Amino acid sequence: MIAILSLIIAVIFLALSIIHYYWAFGGKWALNSALPTNKLGKKMLNPSVLMTVIVGVILSLFSIYYLQKGNIAQINLPKKISSYLGYGIPVLFLIRAIGDFTYIGIFKKIKNTKFAKLDTKYYSPLCLVISILGTIVEIIK
């Protein structure tokens, strides 16, 4: 059970990291739909190439962590770091799912922009699923 759930989470993180690398190296597909905007359509975030690569690397490391967690890959992480990641990743994605109460998350106020509609339908639920699955993996380890 842990191996299957860990693999699902790892694949999600790998896919998300690949999308971030794609954007960092000039890709445009879905980029405008991935950044929150205000009611006037102004982007509320304008991440640099470096920041986009950093997010890609972090997501890649999360993928590797879950491959290790499911005994699909062998990486010797100290127990303390593994414990922090085991609970930290689900908490991080729960916070993302809840959002900032204005532009992102389940409780956002701005709901009629392209990003907001996609966030409601896909992004926030995906973050919630990652949080739930990550918590299950950590609890039943």
N, C-alpha and C. Protein backbone atom coordinates (compact mmCIF):
# COMPACT_ATOMS: atom_id res chain seq x y z
N MET A 1 0.82 -1.20 0.00
CA MET A 1 0.00 0.00 0.00
C MET A 1 0.87 1.26 0.00
N ILE A 2 1.89 1.30 0.88
CA ILE A 2 2.77 2.46 0.94
C ILE A 2 3.50 2.64 -0.39
N ALA A 3 3.93 1.54 -1.00
CA ALA A 3 4.67 1.63 -2.26
C ALA A 3 3.79 2.24 -3.35
N ILE A 4 2.54 1.84 -3.41
CA ILE A 4 1.63 2.36 -4.45
C ILE A 4 1.35 3.84 -4.22
N LEU A 5 1.01 4.20 -2.99
CA LEU A 5 0.73 5.61 -2.69
C LEU A 5 1.97 6.48 -2.90
N SER A 6 3.11 5.97 -2.47
CA SER A 6 4.36 6.71 -2.65
C SER A 6 4.68 6.90 -4.13
N LEU A 7 4.45 5.88 -4.92
CA LEU A 7 4.69 5.98 -6.36
C LEU A 7 3.75 7.00 -7.00
N ILE A 8 2.50 7.00 -6.60
CA ILE A 8 1.55 7.99 -7.12
C ILE A 8 2.02 9.41 -6.82
N ILE A 9 2.41 9.65 -5.57
CA ILE A 9 2.88 10.99 -5.19
C ILE A 9 4.16 11.33 -5.95
N ALA A 10 5.07 10.37 -6.05
CA ALA A 10 6.34 10.62 -6.75
C ALA A 10 6.10 10.99 -8.21
N VAL A 11 5.19 10.31 -8.87
CA VAL A 11 4.88 10.60 -10.27
C VAL A 11 4.26 12.00 -10.40
N ILE A 12 3.39 12.35 -9.47
CA ILE A 12 2.79 13.70 -9.49
C ILE A 12 3.90 14.75 -9.36
N PHE A 13 4.78 14.57 -8.39
CA PHE A 13 5.87 15.53 -8.20
C PHE A 13 6.80 15.57 -9.40
N LEU A 14 7.08 14.42 -9.99
CA LEU A 14 7.95 14.38 -11.17
C LEU A 14 7.30 15.15 -12.32
N ALA A 15 6.02 14.93 -12.54
CA ALA A 15 5.31 15.65 -13.61
C ALA A 15 5.33 17.16 -13.36
N LEU A 16 5.08 17.56 -12.12
CA LEU A 16 5.09 18.99 -11.79
C LEU A 16 6.48 19.58 -11.97
N SER A 17 7.51 18.82 -11.61
CA SER A 17 8.88 19.34 -11.77
C SER A 17 9.21 19.49 -13.25
N ILE A 18 8.82 18.55 -14.07
CA ILE A 18 9.08 18.64 -15.52
C ILE A 18 8.40 19.87 -16.11
N ILE A 19 7.18 20.15 -15.68
CA ILE A 19 6.48 21.36 -16.16
C ILE A 19 7.26 22.61 -15.76
N HIS A 20 7.76 22.65 -14.53
CA HIS A 20 8.53 23.82 -14.09
C HIS A 20 9.83 23.97 -14.88
N TYR A 21 10.52 22.87 -15.16
CA TYR A 21 11.73 22.95 -15.98
C TYR A 21 11.39 23.44 -17.39
N TYR A 22 10.30 22.95 -17.93
CA TYR A 22 9.83 23.38 -19.24
C TYR A 22 9.63 24.90 -19.27
N TRP A 23 8.96 25.42 -18.25
CA TRP A 23 8.74 26.87 -18.17
C TRP A 23 10.07 27.61 -18.00
N ALA A 24 10.95 27.07 -17.17
CA ALA A 24 12.22 27.74 -16.91
C ALA A 24 13.06 27.86 -18.18
N PHE A 25 12.93 26.90 -19.08
CA PHE A 25 13.72 26.91 -20.30
C PHE A 25 12.95 27.47 -21.49
N GLY A 26 11.92 28.28 -21.18
CA GLY A 26 11.25 29.05 -22.23
C GLY A 26 9.91 28.54 -22.69
N GLY A 27 9.44 27.43 -22.16
CA GLY A 27 8.14 26.91 -22.57
C GLY A 27 7.01 27.85 -22.16
N LYS A 28 5.99 27.92 -22.97
CA LYS A 28 4.87 28.83 -22.71
C LYS A 28 3.55 28.10 -22.40
N TRP A 29 3.48 26.80 -22.76
CA TRP A 29 2.23 26.07 -22.58
C TRP A 29 1.76 26.16 -21.12
N ALA A 30 0.54 26.58 -20.91
CA ALA A 30 -0.13 26.65 -19.61
C ALA A 30 0.48 27.63 -18.63
N LEU A 31 1.49 28.39 -19.05
CA LEU A 31 2.15 29.31 -18.14
C LEU A 31 1.20 30.40 -17.65
N ASN A 32 0.45 30.99 -18.54
CA ASN A 32 -0.46 32.06 -18.14
C ASN A 32 -1.60 31.55 -17.26
N SER A 33 -1.91 30.29 -17.35
CA SER A 33 -2.97 29.70 -16.52
C SER A 33 -2.47 29.27 -15.16
N ALA A 34 -1.16 29.29 -14.97
CA ALA A 34 -0.56 28.78 -13.74
C ALA A 34 -0.21 29.87 -12.74
N LEU A 35 -0.39 31.11 -13.14
CA LEU A 35 -0.03 32.22 -12.26
C LEU A 35 -1.29 33.01 -11.88
N PRO A 36 -1.47 33.27 -10.58
CA PRO A 36 -2.66 34.01 -10.16
C PRO A 36 -2.66 35.44 -10.69
N THR A 37 -3.85 35.91 -11.00
CA THR A 37 -4.02 37.29 -11.47
C THR A 37 -5.09 37.97 -10.64
N ASN A 38 -5.04 39.31 -10.67
CA ASN A 38 -6.10 40.05 -10.00
C ASN A 38 -7.30 40.17 -10.94
N LYS A 39 -8.31 40.89 -10.53
CA LYS A 39 -9.52 41.02 -11.34
C LYS A 39 -9.26 41.68 -12.69
N LEU A 40 -8.21 42.48 -12.77
CA LEU A 40 -7.88 43.18 -14.00
C LEU A 40 -6.96 42.36 -14.92
N GLY A 41 -6.58 41.17 -14.47
CA GLY A 41 -5.73 40.30 -15.27
C GLY A 41 -4.25 40.49 -15.04
N LYS A 42 -3.87 41.33 -14.09
CA LYS A 42 -2.45 41.54 -13.77
C LYS A 42 -1.93 40.36 -12.96
N LYS A 43 -0.78 39.80 -13.40
CA LYS A 43 -0.16 38.68 -12.68
C LYS A 43 0.24 39.13 -11.29
N MET A 44 -0.08 38.31 -10.30
CA MET A 44 0.29 38.62 -8.92
C MET A 44 1.65 38.01 -8.57
N LEU A 45 2.15 37.14 -9.43
CA LEU A 45 3.49 36.58 -9.28
C LEU A 45 4.18 36.69 -10.64
N ASN A 46 5.46 36.94 -10.61
CA ASN A 46 6.25 36.96 -11.84
C ASN A 46 7.59 36.30 -11.53
N PRO A 47 7.58 34.97 -11.39
CA PRO A 47 8.80 34.28 -10.96
C PRO A 47 9.90 34.34 -12.01
N SER A 48 11.12 34.48 -11.53
CA SER A 48 12.28 34.48 -12.42
C SER A 48 12.57 33.06 -12.88
N VAL A 49 13.44 32.96 -13.87
CA VAL A 49 13.88 31.65 -14.34
C VAL A 49 14.52 30.88 -13.18
N LEU A 50 15.36 31.55 -12.40
CA LEU A 50 16.02 30.90 -11.27
C LEU A 50 15.01 30.35 -10.27
N MET A 51 14.01 31.15 -9.93
CA MET A 51 12.99 30.68 -8.98
C MET A 51 12.21 29.49 -9.54
N THR A 52 11.94 29.52 -10.83
CA THR A 52 11.21 28.42 -11.47
C THR A 52 12.05 27.15 -11.44
N VAL A 53 13.35 27.27 -11.69
CA VAL A 53 14.25 26.11 -11.61
C VAL A 53 14.31 25.60 -10.18
N ILE A 54 14.40 26.50 -9.20
CA ILE A 54 14.44 26.08 -7.79
C ILE A 54 13.19 25.30 -7.43
N VAL A 55 12.02 25.77 -7.86
CA VAL A 55 10.78 25.04 -7.58
C VAL A 55 10.83 23.67 -8.26
N GLY A 56 11.33 23.61 -9.49
CA GLY A 56 11.47 22.34 -10.18
C GLY A 56 12.38 21.37 -9.43
N VAL A 57 13.50 21.88 -8.93
CA VAL A 57 14.44 21.04 -8.17
C VAL A 57 13.78 20.54 -6.89
N ILE A 58 13.09 21.41 -6.18
CA ILE A 58 12.42 21.01 -4.94
C ILE A 58 11.38 19.93 -5.23
N LEU A 59 10.59 20.12 -6.27
CA LEU A 59 9.58 19.11 -6.63
C LEU A 59 10.25 17.79 -7.03
N SER A 60 11.39 17.87 -7.72
CA SER A 60 12.15 16.66 -8.06
C SER A 60 12.62 15.94 -6.80
N LEU A 61 13.12 16.71 -5.85
CA LEU A 61 13.58 16.11 -4.58
C LEU A 61 12.42 15.49 -3.81
N PHE A 62 11.25 16.12 -3.85
CA PHE A 62 10.06 15.53 -3.22
C PHE A 62 9.73 14.19 -3.89
N SER A 63 9.84 14.15 -5.22
CA SER A 63 9.59 12.91 -5.95
C SER A 63 10.57 11.82 -5.50
N ILE A 64 11.84 12.17 -5.42
CA ILE A 64 12.85 11.20 -4.97
C ILE A 64 12.56 10.74 -3.54
N TYR A 65 12.16 11.67 -2.69
CA TYR A 65 11.83 11.32 -1.30
C TYR A 65 10.74 10.25 -1.27
N TYR A 66 9.68 10.44 -2.06
CA TYR A 66 8.58 9.46 -2.04
C TYR A 66 8.96 8.15 -2.71
N LEU A 67 9.88 8.17 -3.68
CA LEU A 67 10.39 6.91 -4.22
C LEU A 67 11.14 6.14 -3.14
N GLN A 68 11.88 6.87 -2.32
CA GLN A 68 12.59 6.25 -1.20
C GLN A 68 11.60 5.76 -0.16
N LYS A 69 10.59 6.54 0.11
CA LYS A 69 9.60 6.19 1.13
C LYS A 69 8.87 4.89 0.78
N GLY A 70 8.63 4.69 -0.52
CA GLY A 70 7.96 3.48 -0.96
C GLY A 70 8.89 2.33 -1.26
N ASN A 71 10.17 2.47 -0.87
CA ASN A 71 11.21 1.46 -1.12
C ASN A 71 11.38 1.16 -2.60
N ILE A 72 11.15 2.17 -3.44
CA ILE A 72 11.34 2.03 -4.88
C ILE A 72 12.76 2.45 -5.23
N ALA A 73 13.30 3.38 -4.47
CA ALA A 73 14.69 3.82 -4.60
C ALA A 73 15.31 3.81 -3.21
N GLN A 74 16.60 3.57 -3.16
CA GLN A 74 17.28 3.53 -1.86
C GLN A 74 18.12 4.79 -1.68
N ILE A 75 17.70 5.61 -0.76
CA ILE A 75 18.41 6.83 -0.40
C ILE A 75 18.47 6.84 1.11
N ASN A 76 19.65 7.01 1.65
CA ASN A 76 19.80 6.98 3.09
C ASN A 76 19.69 8.39 3.66
N LEU A 77 18.49 8.76 4.03
CA LEU A 77 18.26 10.04 4.68
C LEU A 77 18.27 9.82 6.19
N PRO A 78 18.86 10.74 6.92
CA PRO A 78 18.75 10.64 8.38
C PRO A 78 17.28 10.62 8.80
N LYS A 79 16.97 9.85 9.84
CA LYS A 79 15.58 9.70 10.29
C LYS A 79 14.92 11.04 10.60
N LYS A 80 15.68 11.97 11.17
CA LYS A 80 15.13 13.27 11.53
C LYS A 80 14.68 14.03 10.29
N ILE A 81 15.52 14.03 9.25
CA ILE A 81 15.16 14.71 8.00
C ILE A 81 13.96 14.02 7.36
N SER A 82 13.98 12.71 7.35
CA SER A 82 12.86 11.95 6.78
C SER A 82 11.56 12.25 7.51
N SER A 83 11.64 12.36 8.82
CA SER A 83 10.45 12.67 9.61
C SER A 83 9.93 14.07 9.31
N TYR A 84 10.86 15.04 9.22
CA TYR A 84 10.44 16.41 8.89
C TYR A 84 9.78 16.47 7.52
N LEU A 85 10.39 15.79 6.54
CA LEU A 85 9.81 15.78 5.20
C LEU A 85 8.48 15.04 5.18
N GLY A 86 8.43 13.93 5.92
CA GLY A 86 7.22 13.12 5.94
C GLY A 86 5.99 13.88 6.38
N TYR A 87 6.16 14.77 7.34
CA TYR A 87 5.04 15.60 7.78
C TYR A 87 5.05 16.98 7.13
N GLY A 88 6.24 17.48 6.80
CA GLY A 88 6.35 18.83 6.25
C GLY A 88 5.74 18.97 4.87
N ILE A 89 5.97 17.98 4.00
CA ILE A 89 5.43 18.06 2.65
C ILE A 89 3.90 18.08 2.67
N PRO A 90 3.25 17.16 3.39
CA PRO A 90 1.78 17.24 3.45
C PRO A 90 1.26 18.54 4.05
N VAL A 91 1.94 19.05 5.07
CA VAL A 91 1.51 20.33 5.67
C VAL A 91 1.67 21.46 4.66
N LEU A 92 2.79 21.49 3.96
CA LEU A 92 3.02 22.52 2.95
C LEU A 92 1.90 22.51 1.90
N PHE A 93 1.53 21.33 1.43
CA PHE A 93 0.50 21.26 0.39
C PHE A 93 -0.91 21.48 0.95
N LEU A 94 -1.11 21.20 2.22
CA LEU A 94 -2.38 21.56 2.85
C LEU A 94 -2.51 23.09 2.93
N ILE A 95 -1.42 23.74 3.31
CA ILE A 95 -1.42 25.21 3.36
C ILE A 95 -1.69 25.78 1.97
N ARG A 96 -1.06 25.19 0.94
CA ARG A 96 -1.30 25.66 -0.43
C ARG A 96 -2.76 25.43 -0.83
N ALA A 97 -3.33 24.30 -0.43
CA ALA A 97 -4.73 24.02 -0.76
C ALA A 97 -5.66 25.03 -0.09
N ILE A 98 -5.38 25.35 1.16
CA ILE A 98 -6.19 26.35 1.88
C ILE A 98 -6.01 27.71 1.23
N GLY A 99 -4.77 28.08 0.93
CA GLY A 99 -4.49 29.28 0.16
C GLY A 99 -4.25 30.53 0.97
N ASP A 100 -4.23 31.65 0.25
CA ASP A 100 -3.94 32.94 0.86
C ASP A 100 -5.20 33.76 1.15
N PHE A 101 -6.35 33.17 0.90
CA PHE A 101 -7.66 33.78 1.14
C PHE A 101 -7.99 34.92 0.16
N THR A 102 -7.11 35.19 -0.81
CA THR A 102 -7.40 36.20 -1.81
C THR A 102 -7.31 35.63 -3.22
N TYR A 103 -6.14 35.12 -3.62
CA TYR A 103 -5.92 34.71 -5.00
C TYR A 103 -5.81 33.20 -5.21
N ILE A 104 -5.37 32.47 -4.20
CA ILE A 104 -5.16 31.03 -4.37
C ILE A 104 -5.83 30.25 -3.25
N GLY A 105 -6.14 29.00 -3.54
CA GLY A 105 -6.65 28.09 -2.52
C GLY A 105 -8.16 27.98 -2.49
N ILE A 106 -8.59 27.08 -1.65
CA ILE A 106 -10.01 26.77 -1.52
C ILE A 106 -10.82 27.98 -1.05
N PHE A 107 -10.21 28.80 -0.21
CA PHE A 107 -10.95 29.92 0.39
C PHE A 107 -10.64 31.27 -0.26
N LYS A 108 -10.21 31.28 -1.51
CA LYS A 108 -9.86 32.54 -2.18
C LYS A 108 -11.10 33.41 -2.42
N LYS A 109 -10.88 34.71 -2.46
CA LYS A 109 -11.97 35.67 -2.72
C LYS A 109 -12.13 35.93 -4.21
N ILE A 110 -11.01 36.02 -4.93
CA ILE A 110 -11.04 36.27 -6.37
C ILE A 110 -11.29 34.93 -7.06
N LYS A 111 -12.47 34.76 -7.64
CA LYS A 111 -12.87 33.45 -8.17
C LYS A 111 -13.18 33.43 -9.66
N ASN A 112 -13.13 34.58 -10.33
CA ASN A 112 -13.57 34.61 -11.72
C ASN A 112 -12.47 34.77 -12.75
N THR A 113 -11.21 34.74 -12.32
CA THR A 113 -10.12 34.80 -13.29
C THR A 113 -9.86 33.40 -13.85
N LYS A 114 -9.12 33.34 -14.96
CA LYS A 114 -8.79 32.04 -15.55
C LYS A 114 -8.05 31.17 -14.55
N PHE A 115 -7.05 31.76 -13.88
CA PHE A 115 -6.29 31.01 -12.88
C PHE A 115 -7.20 30.53 -11.77
N ALA A 116 -8.06 31.40 -11.25
CA ALA A 116 -8.92 31.06 -10.12
C ALA A 116 -9.83 29.88 -10.44
N LYS A 117 -10.36 29.88 -11.64
CA LYS A 117 -11.23 28.77 -12.04
C LYS A 117 -10.46 27.45 -12.12
N LEU A 118 -9.25 27.51 -12.68
CA LEU A 118 -8.42 26.31 -12.75
C LEU A 118 -7.93 25.89 -11.36
N ASP A 119 -7.66 26.87 -10.52
CA ASP A 119 -7.24 26.58 -9.15
C ASP A 119 -8.36 25.86 -8.40
N THR A 120 -9.57 26.32 -8.57
CA THR A 120 -10.71 25.68 -7.91
C THR A 120 -10.93 24.27 -8.42
N LYS A 121 -10.79 24.09 -9.72
CA LYS A 121 -11.09 22.79 -10.34
C LYS A 121 -9.95 21.78 -10.23
N TYR A 122 -8.69 22.26 -10.33
CA TYR A 122 -7.57 21.34 -10.41
C TYR A 122 -6.48 21.55 -9.37
N TYR A 123 -5.93 22.77 -9.28
CA TYR A 123 -4.71 22.99 -8.51
C TYR A 123 -4.91 22.76 -7.01
N SER A 124 -5.91 23.39 -6.43
CA SER A 124 -6.14 23.21 -4.98
C SER A 124 -6.54 21.78 -4.64
N PRO A 125 -7.44 21.16 -5.42
CA PRO A 125 -7.74 19.75 -5.11
C PRO A 125 -6.51 18.84 -5.22
N LEU A 126 -5.64 19.10 -6.21
CA LEU A 126 -4.42 18.30 -6.33
C LEU A 126 -3.54 18.47 -5.10
N CYS A 127 -3.42 19.71 -4.61
CA CYS A 127 -2.63 19.95 -3.40
C CYS A 127 -3.23 19.23 -2.21
N LEU A 128 -4.55 19.22 -2.13
CA LEU A 128 -5.23 18.52 -1.04
C LEU A 128 -4.99 17.01 -1.14
N VAL A 129 -5.05 16.46 -2.34
CA VAL A 129 -4.79 15.03 -2.54
C VAL A 129 -3.35 14.70 -2.14
N ILE A 130 -2.39 15.52 -2.56
CA ILE A 130 -0.99 15.30 -2.17
C ILE A 130 -0.87 15.31 -0.65
N SER A 131 -1.53 16.25 0.00
CA SER A 131 -1.47 16.35 1.45
C SER A 131 -2.06 15.11 2.12
N ILE A 132 -3.18 14.67 1.64
CA ILE A 132 -3.85 13.50 2.23
C ILE A 132 -3.02 12.24 2.00
N LEU A 133 -2.58 12.02 0.76
CA LEU A 133 -1.80 10.82 0.46
C LEU A 133 -0.47 10.82 1.22
N GLY A 134 0.18 11.99 1.28
CA GLY A 134 1.44 12.10 2.03
C GLY A 134 1.25 11.79 3.50
N THR A 135 0.14 12.26 4.06
CA THR A 135 -0.15 11.99 5.48
C THR A 135 -0.41 10.50 5.69
N ILE A 136 -1.15 9.89 4.79
CA ILE A 136 -1.41 8.45 4.89
C ILE A 136 -0.10 7.66 4.83
N VAL A 137 0.76 8.01 3.89
CA VAL A 137 2.06 7.32 3.76
C VAL A 137 2.85 7.46 5.05
N GLU A 138 2.84 8.65 5.64
CA GLU A 138 3.61 8.86 6.87
C GLU A 138 3.01 8.11 8.05
N ILE A 139 1.71 8.05 8.13
CA ILE A 139 1.06 7.41 9.27
C ILE A 139 1.20 5.89 9.22
N ILE A 140 1.06 5.30 8.02
CA ILE A 140 1.09 3.83 7.95
C ILE A 140 2.47 3.27 7.65
N LYS A 141 3.48 4.12 7.68
CA LYS A 141 4.85 3.66 7.39
C LYS A 141 5.19 2.50 8.25
